[in-house]
C-alpha atoms as a PDB file:
ATOM      1  CA  MET A   1      10.847  15.919  -9.767  1.00  0.00           C
ATOM      2  CA  HIS A   2       7.967  13.945  -8.342  1.00  0.00           C
ATOM      3  CA  LYS A   3       8.005  11.138  -5.827  1.00  0.00           C
ATOM      4  CA  ILE A   4       7.573   7.539  -6.986  1.00  0.00           C
ATOM      5  CA  PHE A   5       5.087   5.724  -4.775  1.00  0.00           C
ATOM      6  CA  GLU A   6       5.354   2.082  -3.820  1.00  0.00           C
ATOM      7  CA  VAL A   7       2.349  -0.146  -4.482  1.00  0.00           C
ATOM      8  CA  ASP A   8       2.141  -3.040  -2.023  1.00  0.00           C
ATOM      9  CA  PHE A   9      -0.129  -6.012  -2.474  1.00  0.00           C
ATOM     10  CA  TYR A  10      -1.594  -8.075   0.349  1.00  0.00           C
ATOM     11  CA  ARG A  11       0.353 -11.296   0.935  1.00  0.00           C
ATOM     12  CA  LYS A  12      -1.323 -14.214   2.714  1.00  0.00           C
ATOM     13  CA  GLU A  13       0.471 -16.189   5.436  1.00  0.00           C
ATOM     14  CA  ASN A  14       1.153 -18.957   2.897  1.00  0.00           C
ATOM     15  CA  GLY A  15       2.918 -16.439   0.633  1.00  0.00           C
ATOM     16  CA  ASN A  16       0.189 -16.183  -2.021  1.00  0.00           C
ATOM     17  CA  VAL A  17      -0.631 -12.726  -3.370  1.00  0.00           C
ATOM     18  CA  PRO A  18      -4.315 -12.820  -4.410  1.00  0.00           C
ATOM     19  CA  VAL A  19      -4.105  -9.769  -6.661  1.00  0.00           C
ATOM     20  CA  VAL A  20      -1.372 -11.429  -8.736  1.00  0.00           C
ATOM     21  CA  ASP A  21      -3.615 -14.465  -9.270  1.00  0.00           C
ATOM     22  CA  PHE A  22      -6.415 -12.117 -10.298  1.00  0.00           C
ATOM     23  CA  LEU A  23      -4.232 -10.102 -12.682  1.00  0.00           C
ATOM     24  CA  TYR A  24      -2.969 -13.216 -14.445  1.00  0.00           C
ATOM     25  CA  SER A  25      -6.521 -14.532 -14.775  1.00  0.00           C
ATOM     26  CA  LEU A  26      -7.384 -11.527 -16.984  1.00  0.00           C
ATOM     27  CA  THR A  27      -7.190 -11.526 -20.748  1.00  0.00           C
ATOM     28  CA  PRO A  28      -3.888 -10.124 -22.053  1.00  0.00           C
ATOM     29  CA  LYS A  29      -5.579  -6.855 -23.084  1.00  0.00           C
ATOM     30  CA  LEU A  30      -7.201  -6.294 -19.665  1.00  0.00           C
ATOM     31  CA  ARG A  31      -4.016  -7.382 -17.875  1.00  0.00           C
ATOM     32  CA  ALA A  32      -2.000  -4.805 -19.838  1.00  0.00           C
ATOM     33  CA  LYS A  33      -4.518  -2.092 -18.902  1.00  0.00           C
ATOM     34  CA  ALA A  34      -4.385  -3.117 -15.226  1.00  0.00           C
ATOM     35  CA  PHE A  35      -0.575  -3.041 -15.160  1.00  0.00           C
ATOM     36  CA  ARG A  36      -0.609   0.334 -16.934  1.00  0.00           C
ATOM     37  CA  ASP A  37      -3.020   1.674 -14.297  1.00  0.00           C
ATOM     38  CA  ILE A  38      -0.843   0.314 -11.474  1.00  0.00           C
ATOM     39  CA  GLU A  39       2.176   2.077 -12.993  1.00  0.00           C
ATOM     40  CA  LEU A  40       0.136   5.265 -13.226  1.00  0.00           C
ATOM     41  CA  LEU A  41      -0.710   4.920  -9.525  1.00  0.00           C
ATOM     42  CA  LYS A  42       2.983   4.453  -8.699  1.00  0.00           C
ATOM     43  CA  ASP A  43       3.885   7.564 -10.687  1.00  0.00           C
ATOM     44  CA  MET A  44       1.052   9.827  -9.533  1.00  0.00           C
ATOM     45  CA  GLY A  45       0.298   8.492  -6.044  1.00  0.00           C
ATOM     46  CA  ASN A  46      -2.149  10.668  -4.153  1.00  0.00           C
ATOM     47  CA  GLU A  47      -2.267  13.142  -7.051  1.00  0.00           C
ATOM     48  CA  LEU A  48      -4.121  10.627  -9.242  1.00  0.00           C
ATOM     49  CA  ARG A  49      -7.781  11.524  -9.756  1.00  0.00           C
ATOM     50  CA  GLU A  50     -10.920  10.135 -11.378  1.00  0.00           C
ATOM     51  CA  PRO A  51     -11.535   8.162 -13.482  1.00  0.00           C
ATOM     52  CA  TYR A  52      -8.618   6.102 -12.113  1.00  0.00           C
ATOM     53  CA  VAL A  53      -9.342   6.399  -8.388  1.00  0.00           C
ATOM     54  CA  LYS A  54     -12.223   7.401  -6.144  1.00  0.00           C
ATOM     55  CA  ALA A  55     -12.382   8.365  -2.500  1.00  0.00           C
ATOM     56  CA  ILE A  56     -12.953   5.568  -0.008  1.00  0.00           C
ATOM     57  CA  LYS A  57     -16.359   5.935   1.588  1.00  0.00           C
ATOM     58  CA  GLY A  58     -17.398   4.482   4.918  1.00  0.00           C
ATOM     59  CA  MET A  59     -14.312   5.410   6.895  1.00  0.00           C
ATOM     60  CA  ALA A  60     -16.118   4.381  10.071  1.00  0.00           C
ATOM     61  CA  LEU A  61     -15.799   0.781   8.910  1.00  0.00           C
ATOM     62  CA  LEU A  62     -12.054   1.163   8.460  1.00  0.00           C
ATOM     63  CA  LYS A  63     -11.562   2.831  11.832  1.00  0.00           C
ATOM     64  CA  ARG A  64     -13.217  -0.053  13.694  1.00  0.00           C
ATOM     65  CA  GLN A  65     -10.476  -2.481  12.700  1.00  0.00           C
END
Protein backbone atom coordinates (compact mmCIF):
# COMPACT_ATOMS: atom_id res chain seq x y z
CA MET A 1 0.00 0.00 0.00
CA HIS A 2 1.43 3.36 -0.96
CA LYS A 3 0.85 6.74 0.60
CA ILE A 4 -1.47 9.24 -1.07
CA PHE A 5 0.12 12.68 -1.16
CA GLU A 6 -1.78 15.91 -0.78
CA VAL A 7 -1.33 18.56 -3.47
CA ASP A 8 -1.82 22.08 -2.11
CA PHE A 9 -2.21 25.13 -4.28
CA TYR A 10 -1.19 28.64 -3.30
CA ARG A 11 -4.15 30.72 -2.11
CA LYS A 12 -3.95 34.52 -2.18
CA GLU A 13 -5.14 36.64 0.75
CA ASN A 14 -8.34 37.41 -1.19
CA GLY A 15 -9.05 33.67 -1.49
CA ASN A 16 -8.20 33.32 -5.19
CA VAL A 17 -6.20 30.26 -6.25
CA PRO A 18 -4.20 31.30 -9.34
CA VAL A 19 -3.54 27.75 -10.51
CA VAL A 20 -7.28 27.05 -10.67
CA ASP A 21 -7.77 30.10 -12.90
CA PHE A 22 -4.93 28.85 -15.09
CA LEU A 23 -6.27 25.29 -15.29
CA TYR A 24 -9.73 26.47 -16.32
CA SER A 25 -8.23 28.75 -18.96
CA LEU A 26 -6.84 25.68 -20.77
CA THR A 27 -8.62 23.87 -23.56
CA PRO A 28 -10.61 20.86 -22.33
CA LYS A 29 -7.99 18.44 -23.70
CA LEU A 30 -5.06 20.21 -21.98
CA ARG A 31 -7.09 20.65 -18.79
CA ALA A 32 -7.81 16.90 -18.69
CA LYS A 33 -4.09 16.16 -19.13
CA ALA A 34 -3.18 18.62 -16.36
CA PHE A 35 -5.70 17.09 -13.94
CA ARG A 36 -4.47 13.60 -14.85
CA ASP A 37 -0.89 14.69 -14.11
CA ILE A 38 -1.94 16.22 -10.78
CA GLU A 39 -3.63 12.94 -9.83
CA LEU A 40 -0.47 11.09 -10.82
CA LEU A 41 1.52 13.40 -8.53
CA LYS A 42 -0.91 12.71 -5.68
CA ASP A 43 -0.56 8.96 -6.21
CA MET A 44 3.20 8.79 -6.75
CA GLY A 45 4.46 11.76 -4.71
CA ASN A 46 8.23 11.86 -4.45
CA GLU A 47 8.49 8.60 -6.41
CA LEU A 48 7.32 10.32 -9.60
CA ARG A 49 10.12 10.80 -12.14
CA GLU A 50 10.74 12.39 -15.53
CA PRO A 51 9.08 13.23 -17.82
CA TYR A 52 6.48 14.36 -15.25
CA VAL A 53 8.77 16.12 -12.78
CA LYS A 54 12.30 17.48 -12.68
CA ALA A 55 14.57 18.46 -9.82
CA ILE A 56 14.41 22.06 -8.65
CA LYS A 57 17.64 23.83 -9.47
CA GLY A 58 18.95 26.93 -7.75
CA MET A 59 18.25 25.89 -4.18
CA ALA A 60 20.27 28.88 -2.99
CA LEU A 61 17.43 31.09 -4.20
CA LEU A 62 14.90 29.11 -2.18
CA LYS A 63 17.02 29.14 0.97
CA ARG A 64 17.27 32.95 0.97
CA GLN A 65 13.54 33.35 1.55
